[in-house]
Amino acid sequence: MNKKLLMGAGAGCAAIVGLAAARKHQGGPNHSKWDRMRQRMEEMPADFPPRVMFDNIAAIRANTDEILRLMRQESA
């Protein structure tokens, strides 16, 4: 009985490791979820509150990148 249990546990662990490696190779589930969320946000009306927040975050990121670029130019 213990031998069968150990064999089953080993096979289960191997299957989990194999599935995790396959997901990592495909880019992972989070990557596709982010793409789907971005696509759905773009389909929403411009005045829909979640869309406004999403657009504001994108604008903040762009502004931050610009500020960092300017600071690097000043320090060089």
N, C-alpha and C. Protein backbone atom coordinates (compact mmCIF):
# COMPACT_ATOMS: atom_id res chain seq x y z
N MET A 1 0.82 -1.19 0.00
CA MET A 1 0.00 0.00 0.00
C MET A 1 0.86 1.26 0.00
N ASN A 2 1.88 1.33 0.83
CA ASN A 2 2.74 2.50 0.90
C ASN A 2 3.50 2.72 -0.41
N LYS A 3 3.87 1.60 -1.06
CA LYS A 3 4.60 1.71 -2.33
C LYS A 3 3.71 2.35 -3.40
N LYS A 4 2.44 1.95 -3.44
CA LYS A 4 1.51 2.53 -4.42
C LYS A 4 1.28 4.01 -4.13
N LEU A 5 1.19 4.35 -2.87
CA LEU A 5 0.98 5.74 -2.49
C LEU A 5 2.18 6.61 -2.90
N LEU A 6 3.37 6.12 -2.65
CA LEU A 6 4.57 6.86 -3.04
C LEU A 6 4.68 7.00 -4.55
N MET A 7 4.34 5.96 -5.29
CA MET A 7 4.38 6.01 -6.75
C MET A 7 3.36 7.03 -7.27
N GLY A 8 2.18 7.04 -6.69
CA GLY A 8 1.13 7.98 -7.09
C GLY A 8 1.53 9.42 -6.78
N ALA A 9 2.12 9.62 -5.62
CA ALA A 9 2.57 10.96 -5.23
C ALA A 9 3.68 11.44 -6.16
N GLY A 10 4.58 10.55 -6.50
CA GLY A 10 5.67 10.91 -7.42
C GLY A 10 5.14 11.27 -8.80
N ALA A 11 4.18 10.50 -9.28
CA ALA A 11 3.58 10.77 -10.59
C ALA A 11 2.82 12.10 -10.56
N GLY A 12 2.13 12.37 -9.47
CA GLY A 12 1.41 13.64 -9.33
C GLY A 12 2.35 14.82 -9.32
N CYS A 13 3.45 14.71 -8.59
CA CYS A 13 4.44 15.79 -8.55
C CYS A 13 5.06 16.02 -9.93
N ALA A 14 5.35 14.94 -10.63
CA ALA A 14 5.92 15.06 -11.98
C ALA A 14 4.93 15.75 -12.92
N ALA A 15 3.66 15.43 -12.79
CA ALA A 15 2.65 16.07 -13.63
C ALA A 15 2.54 17.56 -13.33
N ILE A 16 2.59 17.93 -12.06
CA ILE A 16 2.51 19.34 -11.67
C ILE A 16 3.71 20.11 -12.20
N VAL A 17 4.90 19.53 -12.05
CA VAL A 17 6.11 20.18 -12.55
C VAL A 17 6.04 20.33 -14.07
N GLY A 18 5.55 19.31 -14.75
CA GLY A 18 5.42 19.39 -16.20
C GLY A 18 4.44 20.47 -16.64
N LEU A 19 3.32 20.58 -15.96
CA LEU A 19 2.35 21.62 -16.30
C LEU A 19 2.90 23.02 -16.02
N ALA A 20 3.61 23.16 -14.91
CA ALA A 20 4.19 24.46 -14.59
C ALA A 20 5.23 24.86 -15.63
N ALA A 21 6.04 23.91 -16.07
CA ALA A 21 7.04 24.20 -17.09
C ALA A 21 6.39 24.56 -18.42
N ALA A 22 5.29 23.90 -18.76
CA ALA A 22 4.59 24.20 -20.00
C ALA A 22 3.98 25.60 -19.96
N ARG A 23 3.43 26.00 -18.83
CA ARG A 23 2.86 27.35 -18.70
C ARG A 23 3.94 28.41 -18.80
N LYS A 24 5.08 28.14 -18.17
CA LYS A 24 6.18 29.11 -18.21
C LYS A 24 6.69 29.27 -19.63
N HIS A 25 6.73 28.19 -20.36
CA HIS A 25 7.20 28.24 -21.75
C HIS A 25 6.24 29.02 -22.64
N GLN A 26 4.95 28.99 -22.34
CA GLN A 26 3.95 29.67 -23.16
C GLN A 26 3.77 31.13 -22.76
N GLY A 27 4.49 31.61 -21.80
CA GLY A 27 4.35 32.99 -21.37
C GLY A 27 3.56 33.13 -20.09
N GLY A 28 3.00 32.08 -19.58
CA GLY A 28 2.29 32.10 -18.31
C GLY A 28 0.88 32.62 -18.44
N PRO A 29 0.03 32.27 -17.49
CA PRO A 29 -1.37 32.69 -17.55
C PRO A 29 -1.56 34.17 -17.29
N ASN A 30 -0.68 34.80 -16.52
CA ASN A 30 -0.84 36.22 -16.20
C ASN A 30 -0.67 37.10 -17.42
N HIS A 31 0.22 36.69 -18.31
CA HIS A 31 0.45 37.48 -19.51
C HIS A 31 -0.81 37.58 -20.35
N SER A 32 -1.47 36.48 -20.58
CA SER A 32 -2.69 36.50 -21.39
C SER A 32 -3.83 37.21 -20.65
N LYS A 33 -3.89 37.10 -19.36
CA LYS A 33 -4.92 37.80 -18.60
C LYS A 33 -4.74 39.31 -18.72
N TRP A 34 -3.51 39.78 -18.66
CA TRP A 34 -3.24 41.20 -18.79
C TRP A 34 -3.65 41.69 -20.18
N ASP A 35 -3.32 40.91 -21.21
CA ASP A 35 -3.70 41.29 -22.57
C ASP A 35 -5.21 41.35 -22.74
N ARG A 36 -5.92 40.39 -22.17
CA ARG A 36 -7.38 40.39 -22.25
C ARG A 36 -7.97 41.57 -21.49
N MET A 37 -7.40 41.90 -20.33
CA MET A 37 -7.91 43.03 -19.56
C MET A 37 -7.68 44.33 -20.34
N ARG A 38 -6.51 44.48 -20.93
CA ARG A 38 -6.22 45.68 -21.70
C ARG A 38 -7.17 45.80 -22.89
N GLN A 39 -7.44 44.70 -23.56
CA GLN A 39 -8.35 44.71 -24.70
C GLN A 39 -9.77 45.11 -24.25
N ARG A 40 -10.22 44.56 -23.14
CA ARG A 40 -11.55 44.90 -22.63
C ARG A 40 -11.64 46.35 -22.19
N MET A 41 -10.57 46.87 -21.60
CA MET A 41 -10.57 48.28 -21.20
C MET A 41 -10.66 49.18 -22.42
N GLU A 42 -9.98 48.82 -23.50
CA GLU A 42 -10.04 49.63 -24.71
C GLU A 42 -11.42 49.60 -25.35
N GLU A 43 -12.18 48.55 -25.12
CA GLU A 43 -13.52 48.44 -25.69
C GLU A 43 -14.57 49.21 -24.89
N MET A 44 -14.24 49.59 -23.65
CA MET A 44 -15.19 50.30 -22.80
C MET A 44 -15.33 51.76 -23.25
N PRO A 45 -16.45 52.40 -22.90
CA PRO A 45 -16.60 53.83 -23.20
C PRO A 45 -15.54 54.65 -22.46
N ALA A 46 -15.15 55.78 -23.03
CA ALA A 46 -14.07 56.59 -22.47
C ALA A 46 -14.42 57.16 -21.10
N ASP A 47 -15.71 57.33 -20.77
CA ASP A 47 -16.08 57.91 -19.49
C ASP A 47 -16.46 56.86 -18.44
N PHE A 48 -16.25 55.59 -18.73
CA PHE A 48 -16.55 54.51 -17.79
C PHE A 48 -15.47 54.52 -16.70
N PRO A 49 -15.84 54.58 -15.40
CA PRO A 49 -14.85 54.78 -14.32
C PRO A 49 -13.64 53.84 -14.35
N PRO A 50 -13.80 52.51 -14.54
CA PRO A 50 -12.59 51.69 -14.60
C PRO A 50 -11.69 52.07 -15.78
N ARG A 51 -12.28 52.46 -16.88
CA ARG A 51 -11.49 52.87 -18.05
C ARG A 51 -10.73 54.16 -17.74
N VAL A 52 -11.38 55.09 -17.03
CA VAL A 52 -10.73 56.34 -16.66
C VAL A 52 -9.51 56.05 -15.77
N MET A 53 -9.68 55.17 -14.79
CA MET A 53 -8.57 54.80 -13.92
C MET A 53 -7.45 54.14 -14.71
N PHE A 54 -7.80 53.23 -15.61
CA PHE A 54 -6.80 52.55 -16.43
C PHE A 54 -6.02 53.55 -17.27
N ASP A 55 -6.73 54.50 -17.90
CA ASP A 55 -6.08 55.51 -18.72
C ASP A 55 -5.20 56.43 -17.88
N ASN A 56 -5.67 56.77 -16.67
CA ASN A 56 -4.87 57.62 -15.79
C ASN A 56 -3.57 56.94 -15.38
N ILE A 57 -3.64 55.65 -15.10
CA ILE A 57 -2.43 54.92 -14.73
C ILE A 57 -1.45 54.90 -15.89
N ALA A 58 -1.95 54.71 -17.09
CA ALA A 58 -1.08 54.73 -18.27
C ALA A 58 -0.43 56.10 -18.44
N ALA A 59 -1.19 57.16 -18.21
CA ALA A 59 -0.65 58.52 -18.32
C ALA A 59 0.40 58.78 -17.24
N ILE A 60 0.15 58.30 -16.03
CA ILE A 60 1.11 58.48 -14.94
C ILE A 60 2.41 57.76 -15.27
N ARG A 61 2.32 56.56 -15.82
CA ARG A 61 3.53 55.82 -16.21
C ARG A 61 4.31 56.58 -17.27
N ALA A 62 3.62 57.11 -18.26
CA ALA A 62 4.30 57.87 -19.32
C ALA A 62 4.96 59.12 -18.74
N ASN A 63 4.27 59.83 -17.86
CA ASN A 63 4.84 61.02 -17.23
C ASN A 63 6.06 60.67 -16.38
N THR A 64 5.98 59.58 -15.65
CA THR A 64 7.10 59.15 -14.82
C THR A 64 8.31 58.83 -15.68
N ASP A 65 8.11 58.13 -16.79
CA ASP A 65 9.21 57.83 -17.70
C ASP A 65 9.85 59.11 -18.23
N GLU A 66 9.02 60.09 -18.57
CA GLU A 66 9.53 61.36 -19.07
C GLU A 66 10.32 62.10 -18.00
N ILE A 67 9.83 62.11 -16.77
CA ILE A 67 10.53 62.76 -15.67
C ILE A 67 11.88 62.10 -15.43
N LEU A 68 11.89 60.77 -15.42
CA LEU A 68 13.15 60.06 -15.23
C LEU A 68 14.16 60.35 -16.35
N ARG A 69 13.65 60.44 -17.58
CA ARG A 69 14.53 60.75 -18.71
C ARG A 69 15.13 62.13 -18.55
N LEU A 70 14.31 63.11 -18.15
CA LEU A 70 14.82 64.47 -17.95
C LEU A 70 15.83 64.54 -16.81
N MET A 71 15.57 63.81 -15.74
CA MET A 71 16.51 63.80 -14.61
C MET A 71 17.84 63.18 -15.00
N ARG A 72 17.80 62.15 -15.82
CA ARG A 72 19.05 61.53 -16.29
C ARG A 72 19.84 62.48 -17.18
N GLN A 73 19.14 63.26 -17.99
CA GLN A 73 19.82 64.22 -18.85
C GLN A 73 20.48 65.31 -18.03
N GLU A 74 19.82 65.76 -16.99
CA GLU A 74 20.37 66.82 -16.14
C GLU A 74 21.59 66.34 -15.37
N SER A 75 21.57 65.08 -14.95
CA SER A 75 22.68 64.58 -14.14
C SER A 75 23.88 64.19 -15.01
N ALA A 76 23.70 64.05 -16.30
CA ALA A 76 24.81 63.65 -17.18
C ALA A 76 25.64 64.81 -17.63
